[in-house]
Every structure is written in C-alpha cells, then in structure tokens.
Amino acid sequence: MKYAYFTLAGLVLLFFNGCGDEGGSVYPTEFTELDSLVRVMESDLRPLEEEIKELASQTEYLFDHQDRYAKMAAREEYKISDLGVIYRETTDKSESSVHVSSISRDRDDVFHQIYFTEALDSAFRTIYADSPLVAQVYFNTRLQMCRIFPSLDALHVFDTDIDLTTFNFYYMADEVRNPEKKSKWVEDIYVDPAGRGWILSLIHPVYHLGELEGVVGFDITINDIIQRFLKYKDKKLLIIDGSGNIVAGTNDAIEVLNLPPLRNHTYVQTINSDNFRKEDYNLFKSKSKAVRKMVAKFLLEKDNVYKMGDSYSDQEYTIYCRQMNLLNWYVLEVKN
C-alpha cells in the first residue's frame, strides 16, 4: 500500500506540473474563462465542417448530372472580356460572381462547367445566411473557374491570369496534402483576393470519377474572429498558430508583448500569390527575450503559464495558454 500511495502521489504531481509556470505553481481556477472561450470558439466553428461536407457532396452530385443542370443556366449572363477572362455580368446580388482566368485553355469545357455549377447559387445563399461567421462561399476548379458568393467585381478584384491551383486554399485540399479527402482548415492566414483582409479558410475537395475537379471553401475574416470572440470583457487576448505567428489579438495584449500594432490588411490591388503575416508578428522573432522564451515554453515545452515583467514599467504579467483541439492554434490571456 505504501508503494501504491507514493506512485499515485507522483502521478498527481506530474499531472499538475504541466499546468504550472517555471516554478511549478498550480493555477486551477485561472483557466476557467479561457477554457470557456476555447469551447465557444470550437462550438461555433466545428459545425462548419459538416456544412462544407454537405456542400462538397452537392457539388459532386452536379458533376454526376451536369448535362441536366447545364440546360437550366442563364447562359446570356456569361461574357468574355477583351483580356480573355470569362465573367458573369449581372446586377442581381442574389447570384454568385464568376471569374475564369485567361490562362484557362479548355473553353468549351469551362463554359459547360460554368453552366451546370450555376445551381450552386441557392446553396451558397443558404450557407451565407445561416452561418454568421462565413464571409464568403466559393468553388474553385482545376479549369480555373472561381464561383464566389456574395457577388463582387471579379474583373477588377482578381488578376487576369491568376492560377487558382497555386493558392493554399486550393492545393491544401489536393491528393498529396489531403489524402483522406475530408474538410480541412487552412490555418496559415492569408490575404483575401476579394478584399476582406486576413482570412481563415475551411476547404473540402470535390472529386468526379476519381479526379480532383475543384475545391469548395468557406472564408472567415480575422476581423470577425476578433469581434466575435476576443472583444470579451476587456480582456487581453491573443491567438497564435503552431509556428508562433499571431492570428488575432486585442490591442492591449499586443501592447503588453511589445509587438507592432495589429492592423487588418486592406486589399486594394490584385493578388497573384499567397500573402502571409510578416515576421514582425511571429513571437519567436520578437525583440523581447521574455516573449521568445514565453512562446517556446508554450509551443515547444507545452507549458501553459508564464510570468514576465514589462520592460517599460514595474508591472508584472502572467500569461495563460490553452491549445485548441479543432485547429493548431493557441489562445493566450494576459493578466496583471
């Protein structure tokens, strides 16, 4: 019995040591609200996986019955620009926009694809109306067609010769990076070609006869994540990814960690490559030794409490960290 007691005591100490700071202090109640925040985030984001799975299934159904649905399209709405871009000319905001890059060579095939995928509009509208976090719904294809909702001025937003397959919101769903052919979160934040700033995407591949035909996607703006989850009782909150890059944060948390102001990227030019956050927003690259040590403790050593002092004052802060299950993201709270 004596040996069993010491073994049990050792296991308990080992467990709680993972919840403490460098000194091994335990903070069992300090994580209550942080854990609650993580649960709320995941409960709002997780249902989107089932929704995008259903959208991918509907899209594959259209490929299986493409001739039938192609006959229903408003063909007169689709035009070719002087630069060779196929686009949709309509003022009806309930309809999706279409952009086909000038590099697309299979014109007959892509027009057929445009026609039968027009039936996606009703599904796009429903998802957008029922899912407050979803800022955009789209379908990008190997033939360089982008169908996107809500509608936008595709001719001026997208680059004329854009190659959709070179973007992370397409290639992260391919056979190599997603052999399970399931929904996948694109955790590397990128600049939205449609002008909505920094974007988190959920994507799902669409297959027909064993070939990857395209990728459906939901976009969530980082600004919406901040407004929905981080503007919470004036707390100092920060979200970072598994590489130490800042995903989102409140101004107070950014200031405590001596980082540059976190501004939402306003997109005013066309885009032709992936754009990620600058190194200034990677905590491993911080000028502060304390910040670099903190992120190493959280990401590499899997600690979840860290104490640090403000280099410009005598103020001491304690930073608490929780890892999400749905995404490889970490939510940090800074407390005085």
Protein backbone atom coordinates (compact mmCIF):
# COMPACT_ATOMS: atom_id res chain seq x y z
CA MET A 1 0.00 0.00 0.00
CA LYS A 2 2.84 2.36 0.85
CA TYR A 3 4.35 1.97 -2.63
CA ALA A 4 0.96 2.44 -4.27
CA TYR A 5 0.46 5.66 -2.34
CA PHE A 6 3.78 7.13 -3.45
CA THR A 7 3.12 6.09 -7.06
CA LEU A 8 -0.27 7.79 -7.03
CA ALA A 9 1.15 10.90 -5.41
CA GLY A 10 3.88 11.04 -8.03
CA LEU A 11 1.37 10.82 -10.86
CA VAL A 12 -0.71 13.63 -9.36
CA LEU A 13 2.33 15.87 -9.03
CA LEU A 14 3.38 15.04 -12.59
CA PHE A 15 -0.08 15.97 -13.87
CA PHE A 16 -0.25 19.31 -12.11
CA ASN A 17 3.31 20.19 -13.05
CA GLY A 18 2.09 20.51 -16.65
CA CYS A 19 -0.35 23.20 -15.54
CA GLY A 20 2.15 25.45 -13.81
CA ASP A 21 4.77 28.05 -14.58
CA GLU A 22 8.51 27.60 -14.31
CA GLY A 23 8.24 27.32 -10.54
CA GLY A 24 5.62 24.61 -10.74
CA SER A 25 2.83 26.71 -9.14
CA VAL A 26 -0.67 25.49 -9.91
CA TYR A 27 -3.42 27.78 -11.24
CA PRO A 28 -6.53 25.57 -11.33
CA THR A 29 -9.12 28.37 -11.38
CA GLU A 30 -7.35 30.85 -13.62
CA PHE A 31 -8.20 28.89 -16.78
CA THR A 32 -11.96 28.77 -16.29
CA GLU A 33 -12.86 31.66 -18.59
CA LEU A 34 -10.07 30.85 -21.05
CA ASP A 35 -11.32 27.28 -21.35
CA SER A 36 -14.84 28.61 -21.80
CA LEU A 37 -13.67 30.88 -24.62
CA VAL A 38 -11.96 27.98 -26.41
CA ARG A 39 -15.12 25.87 -26.10
CA VAL A 40 -17.27 28.67 -27.53
CA MET A 41 -14.90 29.16 -30.47
CA GLU A 42 -14.85 25.47 -31.29
CA SER A 43 -18.60 25.07 -30.87
CA ASP A 44 -19.12 27.87 -33.41
CA LEU A 45 -16.51 26.64 -35.89
CA ARG A 46 -16.95 22.86 -35.74
CA PRO A 47 -20.44 22.71 -37.33
CA LEU A 48 -18.98 24.34 -40.45
CA GLU A 49 -17.12 21.10 -41.16
CA GLU A 50 -20.41 19.26 -41.63
CA GLU A 51 -21.82 22.11 -43.72
CA ILE A 52 -18.90 22.15 -46.13
CA LYS A 53 -19.01 18.37 -46.39
CA GLU A 54 -22.63 18.66 -47.49
CA LEU A 55 -21.75 21.41 -49.98
CA ALA A 56 -19.00 19.22 -51.48
CA SER A 57 -21.50 16.36 -51.77
CA GLN A 58 -23.99 18.61 -53.56
CA THR A 59 -21.26 19.79 -55.93
CA GLU A 60 -20.25 16.23 -56.75
CA TYR A 61 -23.91 15.49 -57.46
CA LEU A 62 -23.90 18.30 -60.04
CA PHE A 63 -20.87 16.72 -61.73
CA ASP A 64 -22.76 13.42 -61.89
CA HIS A 65 -25.77 15.14 -63.51
CA GLN A 66 -24.06 18.01 -65.28
CA ASP A 67 -25.93 17.88 -68.59
CA ARG A 68 -29.29 18.22 -66.84
CA TYR A 69 -28.24 21.27 -64.81
CA ALA A 70 -26.31 22.93 -67.64
CA LYS A 71 -29.60 23.31 -69.53
CA MET A 72 -31.03 25.45 -66.71
CA ALA A 73 -28.30 28.12 -66.73
CA ALA A 74 -28.77 31.76 -67.72
CA ARG A 75 -26.10 31.46 -70.42
CA GLU A 76 -26.51 35.01 -71.67
CA GLU A 77 -25.02 36.33 -68.39
CA TYR A 78 -21.54 34.93 -69.08
CA LYS A 79 -19.18 37.10 -71.14
CA ILE A 80 -15.55 37.18 -72.28
CA SER A 81 -13.51 40.32 -71.57
CA ASP A 82 -11.03 41.87 -74.01
CA LEU A 83 -8.25 40.24 -71.98
CA GLY A 84 -9.76 36.78 -72.28
CA VAL A 85 -11.37 36.49 -68.84
CA ILE A 86 -14.76 34.79 -68.64
CA TYR A 87 -17.02 36.54 -66.13
CA ARG A 88 -20.64 36.87 -65.12
CA GLU A 89 -22.42 40.09 -65.99
CA THR A 90 -25.33 40.57 -63.61
CA THR A 91 -26.59 43.13 -61.11
CA ASP A 92 -28.56 40.56 -59.12
CA LYS A 93 -26.92 40.39 -55.68
CA SER A 94 -28.53 37.02 -55.01
CA GLU A 95 -26.33 35.47 -57.70
CA SER A 96 -22.71 34.42 -57.39
CA SER A 97 -19.88 36.03 -59.32
CA VAL A 98 -17.79 34.04 -61.77
CA HIS A 99 -14.20 34.55 -62.88
CA VAL A 100 -12.27 32.27 -65.24
CA SER A 101 -8.61 33.12 -65.63
CA SER A 102 -7.22 33.96 -69.06
CA ILE A 103 -4.82 31.01 -68.68
CA SER A 104 -7.73 28.55 -68.92
CA ARG A 105 -7.42 26.70 -72.24
CA ASP A 106 -10.43 24.36 -72.20
CA ARG A 107 -13.02 26.96 -73.15
CA ASP A 108 -15.81 24.59 -74.16
CA ASP A 109 -15.32 22.53 -71.01
CA VAL A 110 -15.16 25.53 -68.72
CA PHE A 111 -18.30 27.10 -70.17
CA HIS A 112 -20.10 23.80 -69.61
CA GLN A 113 -18.78 23.80 -66.04
CA ILE A 114 -19.97 27.36 -65.50
CA TYR A 115 -23.46 26.43 -66.66
CA PHE A 116 -24.06 23.36 -64.52
CA THR A 117 -22.47 24.85 -61.36
CA GLU A 118 -24.85 27.80 -61.52
CA ALA A 119 -27.14 25.55 -59.48
CA LEU A 120 -24.80 26.10 -56.51
CA ASP A 121 -26.16 29.62 -56.03
CA SER A 122 -29.05 28.51 -53.83
CA ALA A 123 -26.72 26.50 -51.57
CA PHE A 124 -24.29 29.42 -51.36
CA ARG A 125 -27.07 31.80 -50.32
CA THR A 126 -28.36 29.44 -47.64
CA ILE A 127 -24.93 28.87 -46.10
CA TYR A 128 -24.13 32.58 -46.09
CA ALA A 129 -27.48 33.45 -44.49
CA ASP A 130 -27.39 30.71 -41.85
CA SER A 131 -23.71 30.93 -40.83
CA PRO A 132 -22.80 34.35 -39.38
CA LEU A 133 -19.07 33.60 -39.34
CA VAL A 134 -18.90 32.72 -43.05
CA ALA A 135 -17.89 35.81 -45.03
CA GLN A 136 -17.61 34.08 -48.42
CA VAL A 137 -18.55 30.78 -50.05
CA TYR A 138 -16.80 29.64 -53.23
CA PHE A 139 -15.92 26.86 -55.62
CA ASN A 140 -12.55 26.93 -57.38
CA THR A 141 -11.77 24.39 -60.10
CA ARG A 142 -8.85 22.89 -61.98
CA LEU A 143 -10.21 24.62 -65.10
CA GLN A 144 -9.53 27.97 -63.37
CA MET A 145 -13.16 28.81 -62.66
CA CYS A 146 -13.99 30.64 -59.45
CA ARG A 147 -17.65 30.87 -58.47
CA ILE A 148 -17.98 33.04 -55.35
CA PHE A 149 -20.72 34.48 -53.16
CA PRO A 150 -21.54 37.23 -52.17
CA SER A 151 -21.04 38.74 -55.60
CA LEU A 152 -18.15 41.09 -56.31
CA ASP A 153 -16.49 42.90 -59.20
CA ALA A 154 -14.47 39.88 -60.30
CA LEU A 155 -12.83 41.60 -63.29
CA HIS A 156 -11.17 44.17 -61.03
CA VAL A 157 -10.60 42.07 -57.91
CA PHE A 158 -8.84 39.06 -59.44
CA ASP A 159 -5.72 39.11 -61.52
CA THR A 160 -6.37 38.44 -65.22
CA ASP A 161 -4.06 35.42 -65.41
CA ILE A 162 -4.44 34.17 -61.85
CA ASP A 163 -3.71 30.47 -61.31
CA LEU A 164 -6.10 29.29 -58.62
CA THR A 165 -4.33 25.97 -58.17
CA THR A 166 -1.22 27.70 -56.79
CA PHE A 167 -3.03 29.12 -53.76
CA ASN A 168 -3.18 27.44 -50.36
CA PHE A 169 -6.98 27.50 -50.42
CA TYR A 170 -6.75 25.09 -53.37
CA TYR A 171 -3.61 22.98 -53.09
CA MET A 172 -4.09 22.20 -49.38
CA ALA A 173 -7.07 20.05 -50.45
CA ASP A 174 -5.24 18.02 -53.10
CA GLU A 175 -4.44 14.31 -53.01
CA VAL A 176 -0.98 14.82 -51.51
CA ARG A 177 -1.90 17.19 -48.67
CA ASN A 178 -5.36 15.78 -48.04
CA PRO A 179 -5.36 12.08 -48.95
CA GLU A 180 -8.37 11.49 -46.67
CA LYS A 181 -10.41 13.78 -48.97
CA LYS A 182 -12.04 15.46 -45.97
CA SER A 183 -12.67 19.02 -44.86
CA LYS A 184 -9.52 20.86 -43.90
CA TRP A 185 -8.77 24.12 -42.12
CA VAL A 186 -6.20 26.34 -43.85
CA GLU A 187 -4.52 27.56 -40.69
CA ASP A 188 -1.96 29.79 -42.42
CA ILE A 189 -3.73 33.13 -42.54
CA TYR A 190 -3.60 34.78 -45.96
CA VAL A 191 -4.77 37.96 -47.66
CA ASP A 192 -8.15 37.54 -49.32
CA PRO A 193 -8.21 38.18 -53.09
CA ALA A 194 -11.73 39.58 -52.68
CA GLY A 195 -10.60 42.36 -50.37
CA ARG A 196 -11.79 41.16 -46.96
CA GLY A 197 -8.39 41.32 -45.28
CA TRP A 198 -6.83 38.43 -43.37
CA ILE A 199 -8.69 35.17 -43.88
CA LEU A 200 -9.07 31.76 -42.26
CA SER A 201 -10.47 29.18 -44.68
CA LEU A 202 -12.21 25.84 -44.39
CA ILE A 203 -11.97 23.82 -47.60
CA HIS A 204 -13.17 20.49 -48.98
CA PRO A 205 -12.14 18.71 -52.20
CA VAL A 206 -14.64 17.83 -54.92
CA TYR A 207 -13.95 14.61 -56.86
CA HIS A 208 -15.56 13.21 -60.00
CA LEU A 209 -14.64 9.84 -61.49
CA GLY A 210 -11.62 9.70 -59.18
CA GLU A 211 -10.18 13.07 -60.26
CA LEU A 212 -9.92 16.25 -58.21
CA GLU A 213 -12.19 18.69 -60.03
CA GLY A 214 -12.05 21.54 -57.57
CA VAL A 215 -12.32 22.79 -54.02
CA VAL A 216 -15.27 24.35 -52.19
CA GLY A 217 -14.44 26.78 -49.42
CA PHE A 218 -15.74 28.96 -46.60
CA ASP A 219 -13.86 32.12 -45.65
CA ILE A 220 -13.89 33.60 -42.16
CA THR A 221 -12.31 37.01 -41.65
CA ILE A 222 -9.88 37.50 -38.81
CA ASN A 223 -11.66 40.75 -38.03
CA ASP A 224 -14.88 38.78 -37.42
CA ILE A 225 -13.00 36.38 -35.13
CA ILE A 226 -11.71 39.35 -33.13
CA GLN A 227 -15.15 40.94 -32.88
CA ARG A 228 -16.95 37.71 -32.02
CA PHE A 229 -14.53 36.03 -29.64
CA LEU A 230 -11.80 38.38 -28.43
CA LYS A 231 -13.78 41.51 -27.58
CA TYR A 232 -14.64 39.79 -24.32
CA LYS A 233 -14.96 41.78 -21.08
CA ASP A 234 -11.95 43.94 -21.97
CA LYS A 235 -9.57 41.03 -21.59
CA LYS A 236 -6.08 40.95 -23.08
CA LEU A 237 -6.33 38.04 -25.51
CA LEU A 238 -4.15 36.69 -28.29
CA ILE A 239 -4.41 33.80 -30.74
CA ILE A 240 -1.23 32.33 -32.23
CA ASP A 241 -0.67 29.39 -34.56
CA GLY A 242 1.64 26.44 -34.08
CA SER A 243 4.56 28.34 -35.61
CA GLY A 244 4.25 31.30 -33.26
CA ASN A 245 2.56 33.63 -35.75
CA ILE A 246 -0.12 35.94 -34.42
CA VAL A 247 -3.52 35.11 -35.85
CA ALA A 248 -5.53 37.72 -33.98
CA GLY A 249 -5.32 39.78 -30.84
CA THR A 250 -6.64 42.66 -28.82
CA ASN A 251 -4.70 45.89 -28.79
CA ASP A 252 -3.92 45.61 -25.06
CA ALA A 253 -2.37 42.16 -25.44
CA ILE A 254 -0.32 43.30 -28.42
CA GLU A 255 0.95 46.29 -26.42
CA VAL A 256 1.97 44.20 -23.40
CA LEU A 257 4.04 41.91 -25.62
CA ASN A 258 5.74 44.90 -27.29
CA LEU A 259 4.58 43.97 -30.78
CA PRO A 260 3.73 46.27 -33.70
CA PRO A 261 0.06 47.31 -33.91
CA LEU A 262 -2.00 44.52 -35.47
CA ARG A 263 -3.86 46.13 -38.36
CA ASN A 264 -6.29 44.38 -40.67
CA HIS A 265 -4.87 44.26 -44.19
CA THR A 266 -6.93 46.38 -46.57
CA TYR A 267 -6.58 44.91 -50.02
CA VAL A 268 -6.58 47.47 -52.84
CA GLN A 269 -4.65 45.72 -55.59
CA THR A 270 -4.97 42.43 -57.41
CA ILE A 271 -3.29 39.39 -55.94
CA ASN A 272 -1.16 36.79 -57.68
CA SER A 273 0.46 34.85 -54.85
CA ASP A 274 -0.11 33.78 -51.25
CA ASN A 275 0.43 36.51 -48.68
CA PHE A 276 1.20 35.68 -45.08
CA ARG A 277 1.88 37.74 -41.96
CA LYS A 278 5.25 39.42 -41.70
CA GLU A 279 7.94 38.14 -39.38
CA ASP A 280 7.20 41.09 -37.10
CA TYR A 281 4.16 39.11 -35.98
CA ASN A 282 5.99 35.90 -35.16
CA LEU A 283 6.65 35.66 -31.43
CA PHE A 284 9.81 33.61 -32.00
CA LYS A 285 11.20 36.65 -33.85
CA SER A 286 10.27 39.12 -31.13
CA LYS A 287 12.90 41.62 -29.98
CA SER A 288 11.94 40.70 -26.43
CA LYS A 289 13.84 37.77 -24.95
CA ALA A 290 11.00 37.22 -22.49
CA VAL A 291 8.45 36.92 -25.30
CA ARG A 292 10.67 34.47 -27.19
CA LYS A 293 11.09 32.41 -24.03
CA MET A 294 7.35 32.51 -23.39
CA VAL A 295 6.36 31.20 -26.82
CA ALA A 296 9.00 28.47 -26.58
CA LYS A 297 7.54 27.41 -23.23
CA PHE A 298 4.04 27.25 -24.68
CA LEU A 299 4.69 25.71 -28.10
CA LEU A 300 7.77 23.58 -27.56
CA GLU A 301 7.63 22.61 -23.89
CA LYS A 302 3.82 22.61 -23.69
CA ASP A 303 3.71 24.70 -20.51
CA ASN A 304 0.64 26.86 -20.13
CA VAL A 305 1.55 29.54 -17.59
CA TYR A 306 4.34 32.08 -17.89
CA LYS A 307 5.26 35.17 -15.86
CA MET A 308 7.02 38.14 -17.34
CA GLY A 309 7.68 41.77 -16.48
CA ASP A 310 7.00 44.82 -18.63
CA SER A 311 10.36 46.22 -19.76
CA TYR A 312 8.94 49.77 -19.64
CA SER A 313 7.43 49.59 -16.15
CA ASP A 314 7.47 47.64 -12.93
CA GLN A 315 4.29 45.82 -13.96
CA GLU A 316 4.39 42.02 -13.90
CA TYR A 317 2.09 39.93 -16.09
CA THR A 318 1.03 36.31 -16.07
CA ILE A 319 0.18 34.77 -19.43
CA TYR A 320 -2.10 31.74 -19.58
CA CYS A 321 -2.26 29.48 -22.62
CA ARG A 322 -4.69 26.90 -23.93
CA GLN A 323 -4.33 24.90 -27.16
CA MET A 324 -7.41 24.41 -29.33
CA ASN A 325 -8.42 20.93 -30.48
CA LEU A 326 -10.07 21.94 -33.74
CA LEU A 327 -7.14 23.99 -35.03
CA ASN A 328 -3.45 24.04 -34.23
CA TRP A 329 -3.98 27.38 -32.57
CA TYR A 330 -3.23 28.60 -29.05
CA VAL A 331 -5.34 31.12 -27.13
CA LEU A 332 -3.40 33.31 -24.71
CA GLU A 333 -4.71 35.56 -21.97
CA VAL A 334 -2.52 38.23 -20.37
CA LYS A 335 -3.36 39.12 -16.78
CA ASN A 336 -1.89 41.80 -14.50
